[in-house]
Amino acid sequence: MKIVIKISGHVFDNEDLVYRYVKTLNFVIKALPNLSIVAVCGGGSIARRYVNIVRRCTGNESKCDLVGISVSRLNALTMALSVLDSCPTIPRNIDELLELSSRYRVVFCGGFQPGQSTATVTMIIAESLGVRDVILFSNIDAVYDKDPRKYPDAKKLERVTLEELKSILSRDVEASAGTYPLLDVWAIEIAKRARLNIYLVDCKQPEKLIDILTRKSGYGTLIVPE
């Protein structure tokens, strides 16, 4: 069995949380010998710091993306060097990813190219590998009908379609480097055509991975094709 995981860049702002991810991943790797993993890492606050410097100096969003991609790859390397059975090389594109995932049980990666969020990279990888289930560790615990940071009466949605999610996210979209939404329009469209099921999980709870893999429970929202 192969799974694709997206790890929010926010995780890498907390050393103890990174350790919990490593511990959890090592546990499932030992407990589930037939499991293989591809995990995509975001850039986090360090990426945004460098992005802001490049933006101020150049005003060029593609250059901002490049520095953010470099940080996401550094986060991926940190995980690769810490997790059991991991490939020590961080792939830079989908061709390298596919080749390495055929040889290693665990592969970590960051971003691939400017203008493409790590969420989009995650969906491209899942589609390319023929994987139907994606686990999305995000800095939010679930999908809500509106932004809970702005609206105290926002309702948590246990299940939502990709089209419904697209409508919710379109109300407040920002897509400059370092500020991509939960799933940008490209990620959503790829997930729709690949008919992916996306399990959204609070990134502060890596141990939920065990529940999802063993009981299909523990997630905040299940995002389905239709």
Protein backbone atom coordinates (compact mmCIF):
# COMPACT_ATOMS: atom_id res chain seq x y z
CA MET A 1 0.00 0.00 0.00
CA LYS A 2 1.26 3.46 -0.90
CA ILE A 3 0.02 6.70 0.66
CA VAL A 4 0.70 10.35 -0.09
CA ILE A 5 0.98 12.82 2.78
CA LYS A 6 1.22 16.61 2.81
CA ILE A 7 2.94 18.08 5.89
CA SER A 8 2.22 21.75 6.51
CA GLY A 9 5.21 24.06 6.66
CA HIS A 10 3.88 25.26 10.03
CA VAL A 11 5.09 21.97 11.51
CA PHE A 12 8.70 23.00 10.97
CA ASP A 13 8.27 26.07 13.18
CA ASN A 14 8.12 23.71 16.19
CA GLU A 15 11.04 21.38 16.86
CA ASP A 16 9.05 19.19 19.27
CA LEU A 17 6.28 18.77 16.69
CA VAL A 18 8.78 17.72 14.03
CA TYR A 19 10.08 15.09 16.44
CA ARG A 20 6.51 13.79 16.96
CA TYR A 21 6.10 13.43 13.18
CA VAL A 22 9.33 11.48 12.96
CA LYS A 23 8.29 9.27 15.87
CA THR A 24 4.84 8.64 14.36
CA LEU A 25 6.19 7.89 10.90
CA ASN A 26 8.78 5.51 12.31
CA PHE A 27 6.03 3.73 14.23
CA VAL A 28 3.80 3.17 11.18
CA ILE A 29 6.78 2.12 9.06
CA LYS A 30 7.61 -0.59 11.59
CA ALA A 31 3.99 -1.58 12.24
CA LEU A 32 2.90 -1.70 8.58
CA PRO A 33 5.68 -3.44 6.60
CA ASN A 34 3.74 -3.25 3.32
CA LEU A 35 3.24 0.50 3.57
CA SER A 36 5.24 2.95 1.45
CA ILE A 37 5.03 6.72 1.82
CA VAL A 38 5.56 9.82 -0.28
CA ALA A 39 5.42 12.98 1.85
CA VAL A 40 5.43 16.58 0.61
CA CYS A 41 6.72 19.24 3.01
CA GLY A 42 5.73 22.89 3.05
CA GLY A 43 8.04 25.82 3.73
CA GLY A 44 6.62 27.40 6.88
CA SER A 45 7.60 30.69 8.47
CA ILE A 46 11.25 30.39 7.44
CA ALA A 47 10.18 30.26 3.81
CA ARG A 48 7.92 33.28 4.30
CA ARG A 49 10.77 35.22 5.88
CA TYR A 50 13.02 34.72 2.86
CA VAL A 51 10.13 35.22 0.46
CA ASN A 52 9.43 38.61 2.03
CA ILE A 53 13.08 39.62 1.61
CA VAL A 54 13.12 38.64 -2.07
CA ARG A 55 9.74 40.28 -2.66
CA ARG A 56 10.93 43.55 -1.10
CA CYS A 57 14.15 43.50 -3.10
CA THR A 58 12.81 42.37 -6.48
CA GLY A 59 9.02 42.41 -6.53
CA ASN A 60 9.25 39.21 -8.59
CA GLU A 61 6.88 36.45 -7.45
CA SER A 62 8.64 33.71 -9.42
CA LYS A 63 11.86 34.49 -7.57
CA CYS A 64 9.91 34.47 -4.32
CA ASP A 65 8.60 31.02 -5.19
CA LEU A 66 12.12 29.76 -5.88
CA VAL A 67 13.38 30.68 -2.43
CA GLY A 68 10.25 29.17 -0.85
CA ILE A 69 10.81 25.94 -2.79
CA SER A 70 14.39 25.77 -1.51
CA VAL A 71 13.21 26.01 2.10
CA SER A 72 10.54 23.34 1.56
CA ARG A 73 13.24 21.04 0.21
CA LEU A 74 15.36 21.72 3.28
CA ASN A 75 12.41 20.71 5.46
CA ALA A 76 12.02 17.58 3.35
CA LEU A 77 15.72 16.75 3.78
CA THR A 78 15.39 17.17 7.54
CA MET A 79 12.64 14.55 7.54
CA ALA A 80 14.43 12.26 5.10
CA LEU A 81 17.51 12.14 7.29
CA SER A 82 15.40 11.39 10.38
CA VAL A 83 12.77 8.86 9.26
CA LEU A 84 13.45 5.15 8.78
CA ASP A 85 13.88 3.70 5.27
CA SER A 86 13.86 7.15 3.66
CA CYS A 87 15.48 8.12 0.40
CA PRO A 88 18.38 10.51 1.18
CA THR A 89 17.82 12.45 -2.05
CA ILE A 90 15.12 15.10 -2.38
CA PRO A 91 13.49 14.91 -5.84
CA ARG A 92 13.19 18.18 -7.76
CA ASN A 93 10.46 17.19 -10.21
CA ILE A 94 7.82 14.52 -10.80
CA ASP A 95 10.13 12.35 -12.95
CA GLU A 96 12.72 12.15 -10.19
CA LEU A 97 9.99 11.51 -7.63
CA LEU A 98 8.54 8.60 -9.56
CA GLU A 99 11.96 7.04 -10.10
CA LEU A 100 12.96 7.33 -6.44
CA SER A 101 9.60 6.09 -5.14
CA SER A 102 10.08 2.92 -7.16
CA ARG A 103 13.32 2.23 -5.26
CA TYR A 104 12.71 3.57 -1.76
CA ARG A 105 9.99 2.85 0.73
CA VAL A 106 9.79 6.46 1.94
CA VAL A 107 10.40 9.59 -0.14
CA PHE A 108 10.15 13.18 1.02
CA CYS A 109 9.98 16.19 -1.27
CA GLY A 110 9.25 19.91 -1.26
CA GLY A 111 8.08 22.17 -4.05
CA PHE A 112 8.75 21.52 -7.71
CA GLN A 113 8.44 24.78 -9.67
CA PRO A 114 7.37 28.44 -9.33
CA GLY A 115 3.66 29.16 -9.36
CA GLN A 116 2.87 25.73 -7.97
CA SER A 117 1.93 25.23 -4.33
CA THR A 118 3.07 22.17 -2.39
CA ALA A 119 -0.62 21.22 -2.22
CA THR A 120 -0.66 21.07 -6.02
CA VAL A 121 2.56 19.03 -5.95
CA THR A 122 0.85 16.62 -3.56
CA MET A 123 -2.11 16.08 -5.89
CA ILE A 124 0.15 15.65 -8.93
CA ILE A 125 2.13 12.98 -7.09
CA ALA A 126 -1.00 11.14 -5.95
CA GLU A 127 -2.40 11.16 -9.48
CA SER A 128 0.90 10.03 -11.00
CA LEU A 129 1.25 7.16 -8.53
CA GLY A 130 -2.37 6.09 -8.89
CA VAL A 131 -2.99 6.68 -5.19
CA ARG A 132 -6.62 7.51 -4.29
CA ASP A 133 -6.20 8.65 -0.67
CA VAL A 134 -4.24 11.73 0.40
CA ILE A 135 -3.63 12.76 4.01
CA LEU A 136 -3.36 16.54 4.35
CA PHE A 137 -1.84 17.76 7.61
CA SER A 138 -2.83 21.43 7.64
CA ASN A 139 -2.67 24.42 9.99
CA ILE A 140 -6.47 24.20 10.27
CA ASP A 141 -8.27 21.33 11.97
CA ALA A 142 -11.13 21.02 9.47
CA VAL A 143 -13.03 22.71 6.67
CA TYR A 144 -15.61 25.24 7.87
CA ASP A 145 -18.47 26.84 5.97
CA LYS A 146 -16.68 30.19 6.46
CA ASP A 147 -13.46 31.44 8.02
CA PRO A 148 -13.66 30.58 11.75
CA ARG A 149 -11.01 33.23 12.49
CA LYS A 150 -13.44 35.90 11.33
CA TYR A 151 -16.82 34.33 12.08
CA PRO A 152 -17.45 32.78 15.53
CA ASP A 153 -20.54 30.98 14.20
CA ALA A 154 -18.60 29.10 11.50
CA LYS A 155 -19.65 25.45 11.27
CA LYS A 156 -17.23 22.56 10.94
CA LEU A 157 -17.94 20.30 7.95
CA GLU A 158 -17.24 16.59 8.43
CA ARG A 159 -17.55 15.87 4.72
CA VAL A 160 -17.32 18.23 1.75
CA THR A 161 -16.97 17.83 -2.00
CA LEU A 162 -14.11 19.42 -3.91
CA GLU A 163 -16.56 21.71 -5.71
CA GLU A 164 -18.04 22.85 -2.39
CA LEU A 165 -14.55 23.44 -1.03
CA LYS A 166 -13.67 25.47 -4.11
CA SER A 167 -16.68 27.69 -3.49
CA ILE A 168 -15.77 28.19 0.17
CA LEU A 169 -12.14 29.04 -0.57
CA SER A 170 -12.99 31.38 -3.46
CA ARG A 171 -14.45 33.87 -1.00
CA ASP A 172 -11.03 34.76 0.35
CA VAL A 173 -8.20 33.74 -1.99
CA GLU A 174 -4.62 34.91 -1.99
CA ALA A 175 -2.07 33.16 -4.21
CA SER A 176 1.20 35.04 -3.94
CA ALA A 177 4.31 33.14 -2.89
CA GLY A 178 4.13 31.86 0.68
CA THR A 179 0.38 32.50 1.01
CA TYR A 180 -1.29 29.73 -0.98
CA PRO A 181 -4.67 28.67 0.46
CA LEU A 182 -5.50 25.23 1.87
CA LEU A 183 -6.00 23.93 -1.67
CA ASP A 184 -5.49 26.31 -4.57
CA VAL A 185 -7.57 26.00 -7.74
CA TRP A 186 -4.93 23.87 -9.49
CA ALA A 187 -4.75 21.42 -6.60
CA ILE A 188 -8.54 21.15 -6.53
CA GLU A 189 -8.83 20.53 -10.27
CA ILE A 190 -6.14 17.83 -10.21
CA ALA A 191 -7.79 16.19 -7.20
CA LYS A 192 -11.13 16.23 -9.07
CA ARG A 193 -9.82 14.59 -12.23
CA ALA A 194 -7.86 12.01 -10.19
CA ARG A 195 -10.90 11.42 -7.97
CA LEU A 196 -8.89 11.74 -4.79
CA ASN A 197 -10.20 11.40 -1.26
CA ILE A 198 -8.43 13.92 0.97
CA TYR A 199 -8.31 13.44 4.74
CA LEU A 200 -7.77 16.84 6.34
CA VAL A 201 -6.04 16.67 9.73
CA ASP A 202 -4.82 19.24 12.23
CA CYS A 203 -1.06 19.40 11.71
CA LYS A 204 -0.54 19.62 15.46
CA GLN A 205 -1.79 16.03 15.77
CA PRO A 206 0.56 13.78 13.75
CA GLU A 207 -0.50 10.75 15.75
CA LYS A 208 -3.85 10.88 13.93
CA LEU A 209 -2.02 9.25 11.01
CA ILE A 210 -2.24 5.95 12.86
CA ASP A 211 -6.04 6.25 13.24
CA ILE A 212 -6.52 7.11 9.56
CA LEU A 213 -4.37 4.23 8.32
CA THR A 214 -5.89 1.63 10.62
CA ARG A 215 -9.51 2.77 11.12
CA LYS A 216 -10.18 5.60 8.62
CA SER A 217 -10.94 7.87 11.59
CA GLY A 218 -9.32 10.80 13.37
CA TYR A 219 -9.53 13.33 10.54
CA GLY A 220 -11.25 16.71 10.74
CA THR A 221 -12.91 16.72 7.31
CA LEU A 222 -13.08 14.21 4.48
CA ILE A 223 -12.88 15.99 1.13
CA VAL A 224 -14.37 13.84 -1.63
CA PRO A 225 -14.54 14.15 -5.44
CA GLU A 226 -18.34 14.52 -5.54
